[in-house]
Protein backbone atom coordinates (compact mmCIF):
# COMPACT_ATOMS: atom_id res chain seq x y z
CA VAL A 1 70.23 52.20 -64.16
CA TYR A 2 68.92 49.25 -62.16
CA LYS A 3 72.69 47.64 -63.50
CA ARG A 4 74.28 51.19 -62.05
CA GLN A 5 71.89 50.53 -58.42
CA ALA A 6 73.21 46.80 -58.57
CA VAL A 7 77.25 47.81 -58.62
CA ALA A 8 76.72 50.40 -56.53
CA GLN A 9 75.27 48.08 -54.07
CA ASP A 10 78.32 45.25 -55.54
CA SER A 11 80.40 48.67 -54.23
CA GLU A 12 78.87 49.37 -51.36
CA ILE A 13 79.12 45.66 -50.00
CA GLU A 14 82.59 46.07 -51.00
CA ALA A 15 82.89 49.22 -48.99
CA ILE A 16 81.69 47.42 -45.56
CA LYS A 17 83.99 44.78 -45.88
CA ARG A 18 87.19 46.77 -46.02
CA SER A 19 85.64 49.01 -43.28
CA ILE A 20 85.23 45.70 -41.43
CA VAL A 21 88.68 45.29 -41.62
CA GLU A 22 89.83 48.79 -40.47
CA LEU A 23 87.88 48.90 -37.73
CA LYS A 24 88.66 45.82 -36.09
CA ALA A 25 90.74 47.28 -33.54
CA ASP A 26 86.98 49.14 -31.54
CA TYR A 27 85.39 46.86 -29.55
CA GLY A 28 83.16 44.12 -30.97
CA ARG A 29 79.66 46.03 -31.03
CA ARG A 30 80.28 47.79 -34.19
CA ILE A 31 81.73 44.96 -35.39
CA GLU A 32 78.04 43.99 -35.03
CA GLU A 33 76.79 46.56 -36.56
CA LEU A 34 78.89 45.82 -39.61
CA GLU A 35 78.40 42.88 -40.13
CA ARG A 36 75.01 43.93 -39.62
CA ARG A 37 74.74 45.71 -42.43
CA LEU A 38 76.97 43.43 -44.72
CA ALA A 39 74.46 40.65 -44.21
CA LEU A 40 71.40 42.94 -45.17
CA ALA A 41 73.76 44.70 -47.91
CA GLU A 42 74.20 41.27 -49.54
CA GLU A 43 70.16 40.17 -49.02
CA ALA A 44 69.63 43.30 -50.85
CA ALA A 45 71.52 43.72 -53.77
CA ALA A 46 70.61 39.90 -54.24
CA THR A 47 67.02 40.81 -54.14
CA ALA A 48 68.02 44.18 -56.26
CA GLU A 49 69.41 41.14 -58.61
CA GLN A 50 66.13 39.32 -58.86
CA GLU A 51 64.21 42.21 -59.49
CA SER A 52 66.81 44.01 -62.37
CA VAL A 53 65.75 41.14 -64.37
CA ALA A 54 62.38 40.53 -64.28
CA ARG A 55 61.83 44.66 -65.29
CA VAL A 56 64.10 43.89 -67.67
CA THR A 57 61.61 41.25 -69.34
CA ALA A 58 58.71 43.70 -69.16
CA THR A 59 57.47 46.01 -70.82
CA THR A 60 58.47 49.41 -68.79
CA GLN A 61 55.40 51.67 -69.25
CA PRO A 62 55.40 55.11 -70.20
CA GLY A 63 56.21 57.55 -67.51
CA SER A 64 57.89 55.00 -64.38
CA VAL A 65 60.52 56.35 -62.16
CA THR A 66 63.09 54.00 -60.35
CA SER A 67 64.53 54.36 -56.88
CA GLY A 68 67.38 55.80 -56.16
CA THR A 69 67.93 55.55 -52.77
CA ALA A 70 71.31 53.73 -53.35
CA PHE A 71 73.44 57.17 -54.01
CA ASN A 72 70.84 59.40 -51.44
CA PRO A 73 72.60 60.86 -48.77
CA ARG A 74 72.62 60.16 -45.14
CA ILE A 75 70.82 63.55 -43.02
CA SER A 76 71.41 63.73 -39.79
CA ALA A 77 70.81 67.43 -37.55
CA ILE A 78 72.87 66.75 -34.02
CA LEU A 79 71.66 69.88 -31.37
CA ASP A 80 74.13 70.33 -28.61
CA GLY A 81 73.40 72.95 -25.69
CA ASN A 82 74.26 73.50 -22.18
CA PHE A 83 74.47 75.19 -19.17
CA TYR A 84 77.01 76.76 -17.72
CA HIS A 85 78.35 78.42 -15.28
CA ASP A 86 82.03 79.47 -13.40
CA GLY A 87 83.34 81.66 -9.82
CA ILE A 88 84.45 84.51 -12.29
CA GLY A 89 81.66 86.37 -14.16
CA GLY A 90 81.65 83.51 -17.34
CA GLU A 91 85.00 84.53 -18.68
CA GLY A 92 86.73 80.91 -17.55
CA PRO A 93 86.78 79.65 -21.32
CA SER A 94 88.81 82.53 -22.10
CA VAL A 95 90.91 82.68 -19.50
CA ILE A 96 91.61 79.01 -20.65
CA SER A 97 91.43 79.56 -24.37
CA GLY A 98 94.18 81.75 -23.26
CA ALA A 99 96.14 80.06 -20.65
CA ALA A 100 99.79 81.47 -20.84
CA GLN A 101 102.42 80.72 -23.93
CA PRO A 102 105.11 82.40 -25.65
CA SER A 103 102.92 81.96 -28.49
CA GLN A 104 100.69 85.17 -29.52
CA PRO A 105 99.90 84.56 -33.02
CA GLY A 106 98.54 87.50 -35.21
CA HIS A 107 97.48 89.16 -32.64
CA ASP A 108 94.57 86.93 -31.83
CA GLU A 109 93.66 87.80 -28.48
CA HIS A 110 92.25 84.29 -27.97
CA GLY A 111 89.49 84.59 -27.83
CA HIS A 112 87.26 81.56 -26.60
CA GLU A 113 84.86 78.10 -26.83
CA ASP A 114 81.93 78.90 -28.92
CA GLY A 115 78.46 78.20 -26.81
CA ALA A 116 79.76 79.02 -23.31
CA ALA A 117 78.71 82.17 -21.03
CA ASN A 118 77.63 81.21 -17.60
CA GLY A 119 73.14 80.73 -17.89
CA MET A 120 72.05 78.68 -21.64
CA ASN A 121 73.63 78.35 -24.23
CA LEU A 122 73.37 76.81 -27.63
CA ARG A 123 76.58 75.55 -28.97
CA SER A 124 75.93 74.65 -32.38
CA VAL A 125 73.45 72.64 -34.37
CA GLU A 126 75.02 70.16 -37.00
CA LEU A 127 74.07 69.21 -39.92
CA ALA A 128 75.89 65.63 -41.61
CA PHE A 129 75.12 64.50 -45.23
CA SER A 130 77.15 61.68 -46.03
CA GLY A 131 76.65 58.80 -48.73
CA ALA A 132 77.97 56.99 -52.17
CA VAL A 133 78.52 59.36 -54.88
CA ASP A 134 78.81 56.07 -57.28
CA PRO A 135 80.92 53.47 -57.50
CA TYR A 136 84.16 54.85 -56.98
CA PHE A 137 83.93 58.11 -55.03
CA ASP A 138 82.57 59.16 -51.38
CA ALA A 139 81.59 62.35 -50.30
CA ALA A 140 79.89 63.92 -46.78
CA VAL A 141 79.65 67.46 -45.70
CA TYR A 142 78.92 68.71 -42.85
CA LEU A 143 77.57 72.39 -40.82
CA ALA A 144 78.21 73.68 -38.60
CA LEU A 145 75.16 76.57 -36.95
CA GLU A 146 76.42 78.43 -34.86
CA SER A 147 74.97 80.11 -31.80
CA GLU A 148 75.97 83.67 -33.44
CA GLY A 149 73.43 82.24 -36.14
CA GLU A 150 77.25 81.86 -38.90
CA ILE A 151 77.07 79.06 -41.31
CA ASP A 152 81.30 77.53 -40.60
CA ILE A 153 81.36 74.41 -43.70
CA GLU A 154 83.20 72.02 -40.55
CA GLU A 155 83.98 69.20 -43.46
CA ALA A 156 83.07 68.86 -46.64
CA TRP A 157 84.72 66.01 -48.88
CA PHE A 158 84.92 63.68 -51.08
CA ALA A 159 87.71 59.91 -50.83
CA THR A 160 87.87 56.98 -53.18
CA ARG A 161 87.15 53.62 -52.74
CA ALA A 162 88.45 50.99 -54.95
CA LEU A 163 91.74 52.26 -55.38
CA PRO A 164 94.40 48.76 -55.03
CA ALA A 165 97.04 48.22 -51.97
CA GLY A 166 94.89 49.80 -49.41
CA LEU A 167 95.73 53.34 -50.52
CA ARG A 168 92.44 56.12 -50.14
CA LEU A 169 92.53 59.37 -51.28
CA LYS A 170 90.51 62.20 -49.73
CA GLY A 171 90.29 66.37 -50.85
CA GLY A 172 88.63 68.49 -49.73
CA ARG A 173 87.74 70.25 -46.63
CA PHE A 174 88.42 68.15 -43.74
CA LEU A 175 89.97 67.71 -39.84
CA SER A 176 93.22 66.20 -40.05
CA GLU A 177 94.07 62.39 -38.75
CA PHE A 178 96.59 64.40 -36.97
CA GLY A 179 97.02 62.78 -33.32
CA TYR A 180 93.50 60.39 -31.90
CA LEU A 181 90.94 63.87 -31.12
CA ASN A 182 91.59 65.91 -34.11
CA LYS A 183 89.09 64.14 -36.14
CA LYS A 184 86.03 63.86 -33.53
CA HIS A 185 83.39 66.56 -33.97
CA GLU A 186 82.03 67.45 -30.92
CA HIS A 187 79.32 65.62 -29.74
CA GLN A 188 81.93 62.22 -30.38
CA TRP A 189 84.16 63.89 -26.94
CA ALA A 190 83.88 62.38 -24.26
CA PHE A 191 84.16 66.16 -22.25
CA VAL A 192 81.87 69.10 -22.91
CA ASP A 193 84.61 71.34 -23.66
CA GLN A 194 88.67 70.27 -25.22
CA ASN A 195 91.36 69.41 -23.26
CA LEU A 196 93.96 72.19 -22.97
CA PRO A 197 97.20 71.85 -25.79
CA TYR A 198 94.60 71.84 -28.26
CA LEU A 199 92.72 73.94 -27.56
CA ASN A 200 95.98 76.33 -26.82
CA LEU A 201 98.10 74.57 -29.62
CA LEU A 202 95.55 73.83 -32.42
CA GLY A 203 92.89 76.21 -31.62
CA ASP A 204 88.94 76.15 -30.99
CA HIS A 205 88.70 74.13 -33.74
CA GLY A 206 91.91 72.06 -34.25
CA LEU A 207 93.35 71.46 -37.30
CA GLN A 208 91.01 72.18 -40.33
CA ASP A 209 92.23 72.68 -43.39
CA ASN A 210 91.44 72.57 -47.25
CA GLY A 211 94.22 69.81 -48.85
CA LEU A 212 94.75 66.56 -50.06
CA GLN A 213 94.67 62.77 -47.97
CA LEU A 214 96.42 59.90 -49.34
CA THR A 215 96.43 56.79 -46.69
CA TRP A 216 97.88 53.28 -46.83
CA LEU A 217 96.18 50.59 -44.99
CA PRO A 218 98.63 47.59 -45.75
CA LYS A 219 98.20 43.98 -45.75
CA THR A 220 99.56 43.10 -42.25
CA PRO A 221 98.25 40.44 -39.14
CA PHE A 222 97.56 44.09 -36.86
CA TYR A 223 95.27 47.48 -38.04
CA SER A 224 98.03 49.77 -39.12
CA LEU A 225 97.71 52.78 -41.28
CA PHE A 226 99.91 55.59 -42.80
CA GLY A 227 99.16 58.82 -44.06
CA VAL A 228 99.98 61.69 -45.16
CA GLU A 229 98.28 65.49 -45.88
CA VAL A 230 99.06 68.78 -48.16
CA LEU A 231 97.18 71.82 -46.37
CA GLN A 232 96.61 75.11 -47.50
CA GLY A 233 97.79 76.67 -44.09
CA ASP A 234 94.61 78.63 -42.77
CA GLN A 235 95.40 78.35 -39.47
CA GLU A 236 94.64 79.66 -36.15
CA ARG A 237 97.38 78.60 -33.65
CA VAL A 238 100.09 76.49 -36.09
CA GLY A 239 100.46 78.68 -39.27
CA ALA A 240 99.14 81.26 -38.09
CA LEU A 241 99.37 84.72 -40.20
CA VAL A 242 98.96 88.41 -39.83
CA ASP A 243 95.31 89.24 -41.21
CA ASP A 244 95.82 93.36 -40.90
CA GLU A 245 97.73 93.64 -44.65
CA ALA A 246 98.94 98.02 -42.64
CA GLU A 247 99.84 95.76 -39.29
CA ARG A 248 101.65 93.38 -42.17
CA VAL A 249 103.96 95.82 -43.36
CA GLU A 250 103.91 97.73 -40.46
CA LEU A 251 106.02 95.45 -38.84
CA GLY A 252 108.16 93.94 -41.88
CA LEU A 253 106.06 90.79 -42.40
CA ASN A 254 105.41 89.48 -46.08
CA ASP A 255 102.69 88.26 -47.33
CA PRO A 256 100.74 84.64 -47.29
CA GLU A 257 102.51 82.91 -49.82
CA SER A 258 101.11 80.54 -52.07
CA GLY A 259 99.84 77.07 -50.88
CA PRO A 260 100.24 74.53 -49.91
CA ARG A 261 102.10 75.71 -46.73
CA MET A 262 102.00 72.99 -44.55
CA TRP A 263 102.04 68.88 -44.83
CA THR A 264 101.23 66.37 -41.88
CA LEU A 265 102.63 62.62 -41.71
CA PHE A 266 101.02 60.14 -39.59
CA ALA A 267 101.35 56.64 -38.19
CA LYS A 268 98.60 54.49 -36.05
CA LEU A 269 99.73 50.89 -34.54
CA SER A 270 96.52 48.02 -33.28
CA PRO A 271 97.96 45.48 -32.32
CA ASP A 272 95.33 42.08 -31.48
CA LEU A 273 94.32 41.89 -28.45
CA GLY A 274 91.40 39.74 -28.80
CA TYR A 275 87.73 40.24 -29.21
CA ASP A 276 86.56 42.32 -26.07
CA HIS A 277 89.99 44.45 -26.72
CA ALA A 278 91.48 47.28 -28.47
CA LEU A 279 94.94 49.54 -28.37
CA GLN A 280 95.96 51.75 -30.57
CA ILE A 281 98.94 53.73 -30.58
CA GLY A 282 99.81 57.59 -32.79
CA GLY A 283 102.64 59.24 -33.43
CA SER A 284 102.34 62.82 -35.58
CA TYR A 285 104.48 65.75 -37.24
CA VAL A 286 102.96 68.45 -38.74
CA HIS A 287 105.05 71.43 -40.61
CA SER A 288 103.77 74.98 -41.07
CA ARG A 289 106.74 76.96 -43.72
CA GLN A 290 105.20 80.08 -43.23
CA HIS A 291 103.75 81.12 -39.22
CA GLN A 292 103.25 84.79 -37.94
CA GLU A 293 103.23 86.06 -34.86
CA ILE A 294 103.00 89.46 -32.87
CA HIS A 295 104.78 90.40 -29.77
CA SER A 296 104.07 93.04 -27.68
CA ASP A 297 105.62 94.97 -23.97
CA ASP A 298 104.89 97.78 -22.89
CA VAL A 299 107.16 99.74 -24.99
CA SER A 300 106.37 98.76 -29.07
CA GLU A 301 105.20 95.09 -30.63
CA LEU A 302 107.27 93.37 -32.30
CA GLY A 303 106.89 91.05 -35.74
CA LEU A 304 107.83 87.54 -36.10
CA GLU A 305 108.28 85.18 -38.79
CA GLY A 306 109.01 81.42 -39.70
CA SER A 307 108.54 77.87 -39.58
CA ALA A 308 106.58 75.98 -36.90
CA ASP A 309 105.93 72.25 -36.63
CA LEU A 310 104.05 70.35 -33.69
CA TRP A 311 104.77 66.71 -33.04
CA GLY A 312 101.53 64.08 -31.30
CA ILE A 313 101.76 60.41 -29.62
CA ASP A 314 98.22 59.17 -28.22
CA VAL A 315 97.79 56.01 -26.76
CA VAL A 316 94.05 54.51 -26.80
CA TYR A 317 92.85 51.63 -24.98
CA LYS A 318 89.22 49.97 -24.95
CA TYR A 319 87.98 47.57 -22.83
CA ASP A 320 84.17 46.19 -24.08
CA ASN A 321 82.41 43.98 -21.53
CA ALA A 322 79.96 41.57 -22.47
CA ALA A 323 77.55 43.06 -20.42
CA ALA A 324 74.42 45.06 -22.75
CA TYR A 325 74.72 48.90 -22.92
CA GLY A 326 78.27 49.93 -22.33
CA TYR A 327 78.23 48.31 -18.86
CA ARG A 328 81.55 47.75 -17.39
CA ASP A 329 83.05 49.35 -20.48
CA PHE A 330 86.16 51.06 -19.62
CA SER A 331 88.85 52.92 -21.74
CA VAL A 332 91.80 55.20 -21.69
CA GLN A 333 93.32 57.75 -23.71
CA ALA A 334 96.28 60.07 -23.75
CA GLU A 335 97.85 62.54 -25.78
CA TYR A 336 101.20 64.90 -25.71
CA LEU A 337 101.31 67.75 -28.15
CA ARG A 338 105.62 69.54 -28.98
CA SER A 339 105.29 72.30 -31.12
CA ILE A 340 108.60 74.69 -31.65
CA LYS A 341 108.26 77.24 -33.59
CA ASP A 342 111.69 78.77 -35.25
CA LEU A 343 111.21 82.20 -35.83
CA THR A 344 113.48 85.60 -36.84
CA VAL A 345 112.21 89.38 -36.04
CA ARG A 346 111.62 91.15 -38.93
CA GLY A 347 109.92 94.43 -38.02
CA GLY A 348 109.38 97.28 -34.46
CA ASP A 349 112.12 97.87 -32.20
CA PRO A 350 114.80 98.69 -34.83
CA GLY A 351 117.74 97.18 -32.13
CA SER A 352 115.65 93.27 -31.82
CA VAL A 353 115.52 93.55 -36.32
CA GLY A 354 116.80 90.14 -37.14
CA GLU A 355 117.00 88.31 -34.00
CA SER A 356 116.30 84.54 -34.32
CA ARG A 357 113.70 83.45 -31.40
CA GLU A 358 112.60 79.98 -30.05
CA LEU A 359 109.08 79.52 -28.67
CA THR A 360 108.53 75.91 -27.23
CA THR A 361 105.55 74.64 -25.53
CA ASP A 362 103.83 71.63 -25.09
CA GLY A 363 100.61 69.75 -23.04
CA LEU A 364 99.65 66.30 -22.25
CA TYR A 365 96.20 65.65 -21.90
CA LEU A 366 94.85 61.86 -19.62
CA GLN A 367 91.51 60.41 -19.10
CA GLY A 368 89.30 57.70 -18.65
CA THR A 369 86.11 56.21 -18.75
CA TYR A 370 83.56 53.63 -17.39
CA GLY A 371 80.02 51.77 -17.46
CA PHE A 372 79.60 51.84 -14.19
CA ALA A 373 76.05 50.76 -14.81
CA GLN A 374 73.71 50.82 -17.59
CA ARG A 375 73.95 53.54 -20.12
CA TRP A 376 75.28 55.22 -17.54
CA GLN A 377 79.42 56.60 -17.82
CA ALA A 378 81.85 57.74 -15.43
CA GLY A 379 84.68 59.85 -16.62
CA LEU A 380 87.90 61.88 -15.27
CA ARG A 381 90.56 63.46 -16.70
CA TYR A 382 94.12 65.71 -15.77
CA ASP A 383 95.07 68.23 -18.92
CA ALA A 384 98.12 70.60 -18.75
CA LEU A 385 99.76 72.73 -21.14
CA GLY A 386 103.44 74.47 -20.88
CA LEU A 387 105.46 71.13 -18.89
CA THR A 388 107.88 73.11 -21.35
CA ASN A 389 107.21 76.85 -21.95
CA LYS A 390 109.63 79.10 -22.85
CA LEU A 391 111.09 81.74 -25.58
CA THR A 392 114.63 81.81 -25.85
CA GLY A 393 116.94 83.84 -28.27
CA GLY A 394 117.45 87.69 -28.31
CA THR A 395 115.30 87.86 -25.28
CA ASN A 396 115.07 84.69 -22.96
CA ASP A 397 111.73 83.78 -20.91
CA ARG A 398 109.96 80.81 -19.05
CA PHE A 399 106.57 80.78 -18.50
CA GLY A 400 104.37 78.25 -15.80
CA THR A 401 102.19 75.22 -16.11
CA SER A 402 97.97 75.31 -16.56
CA ARG A 403 96.37 72.76 -15.11
CA ARG A 404 92.64 70.69 -15.22
CA TRP A 405 91.18 67.94 -12.93
CA THR A 406 87.50 67.30 -15.00
CA THR A 407 84.35 64.83 -14.03
CA ALA A 408 82.17 64.25 -15.79
CA VAL A 409 78.23 61.94 -15.61
CA THR A 410 77.08 61.03 -18.57
CA TRP A 411 73.73 59.66 -19.09
CA THR A 412 72.40 57.67 -22.53
CA PRO A 413 69.04 57.42 -22.41
CA THR A 414 69.15 55.93 -26.51
CA GLU A 415 71.95 55.94 -29.20
CA PHE A 416 70.79 58.98 -30.39
CA SER A 417 70.20 61.10 -26.52
CA ARG A 418 72.52 62.72 -24.06
CA PHE A 419 72.95 64.10 -21.04
CA ARG A 420 76.46 64.99 -18.93
CA LEU A 421 77.44 66.19 -16.30
CA GLN A 422 80.88 67.59 -15.99
CA TYR A 423 82.82 69.78 -12.55
CA SER A 424 85.97 71.03 -13.32
CA TRP A 425 88.50 72.94 -10.99
CA ASN A 426 90.79 74.95 -13.50
CA ASP A 427 94.60 76.19 -11.75
CA ILE A 428 94.90 78.34 -15.05
CA LEU A 429 98.13 80.57 -15.73
CA LEU A 430 98.12 84.41 -17.40
CA GLU A 431 100.47 86.11 -20.24
CA SER A 432 100.96 88.64 -16.57
CA GLY A 433 102.36 85.49 -14.29
CA THR A 434 98.83 85.38 -12.23
CA ARG A 435 97.21 82.20 -12.08
CA GLU A 436 93.39 82.12 -12.10
CA GLN A 437 92.21 79.52 -10.25
CA PHE A 438 88.34 78.56 -10.25
CA ASP A 439 85.83 76.01 -10.13
CA SER A 440 83.19 75.26 -13.47
CA PHE A 441 80.40 73.54 -14.63
CA TRP A 442 78.54 72.46 -17.19
CA LEU A 443 75.38 70.44 -17.19
CA GLN A 444 75.08 69.38 -21.34
CA PHE A 445 72.55 67.77 -23.53
CA LEU A 446 72.84 65.86 -27.23
CA MET A 447 70.10 65.35 -29.48
CA SER A 448 70.64 63.60 -32.68
CA LEU A 449 67.89 63.70 -35.66
CA GLY A 450 67.56 61.00 -38.14
CA ALA A 451 70.46 58.62 -40.22
CA HIS A 452 73.88 59.19 -38.70
CA GLY A 453 76.39 56.98 -39.51
CA ALA A 454 78.75 54.90 -37.29
CA HIS A 455 81.62 56.74 -35.30
CA GLU A 456 85.51 55.74 -35.96
CA PHE A 457 87.48 53.55 -33.33
């Protein structure tokens, strides 16, 4: 047991060293934290080795027990609640997540974001368990307890610790590395709600699926990461399927093909800009080989099926000022997403069966944050959906653009609590061709209990 603990502690030291290399692109405060943890781990390993030698040479008493803390997981709970109000009777989130575009996956009525109705809301409670399984694997489980009482498994994965040549294998259920914001949990966002392109092209939960991920961190003069994911393909928007079997039969749609039905590619590059500055540029691609939609009009319904592709470009810059508690820290990030779906009418109107349809929608967001005082941060975001928003093929149609401006002020009394006041002006295009313009207000609180691992860049 003592030898096992020592091996685990040595492995922890190596994992921390690798984390330092991977996170060099991040701002200096996190680097200092990792270096502090490394020093503590090395000191603990040396102490454990001395104690192990002393114990081995001593006589073990019957019934004695040993500590397994090196293998115990970090456990935390994060409370995410808010007060919300808009000028259209609390329907704002539903309107935003249903902004007009040619895509109508699986009769989805577009729903709404969880935890948003006029008045007081508890969006979710996130339970997180993470740690080293043994010298070879890490594992993590993230559970979201929704306000309606449902339990959602956000992530449950394992990852290797010591593959050669900078390789790392991850398996289970996880948030994809597509783009920049997709892998971040809600409490990591700089704003209360999700941006328009992510919400409407990826869905409420983003690109989240069961599968395998392989990443490669080569030895280069600057940080670079390349990866591929093979996913089952159970998605809300890209790669969506019609759930109702009777409806599939009626509209000539095929049963879901055997998985995996989706794969992704991504690359992230970060040139070395010095101690205080960090820049990351990324590109991502998703392909789903089976995608189904139901399109309705006043006369009939059409069942469409084919493939779907999603492209993404992201740029993130962060400046870490030497002042304490985020004062004068600055960050700016932007992403552009473009969705292209190549579909064929399989059933419904006999006159349309066999026609090809191409659905193209894109979107972007640009946001920045600035620490105007210690523990105080101001943020500004612009997001848009449908700069290109068209349906071509047997039927041609063009949709307009939905836009939103958002500003937020965040107060972080400690690392474990956060309060945010947010205002948005929304100009959302509806499928009817009309527009809904309204104001929305949020007052959010985030409370973190327990040991929560440091967030990535």
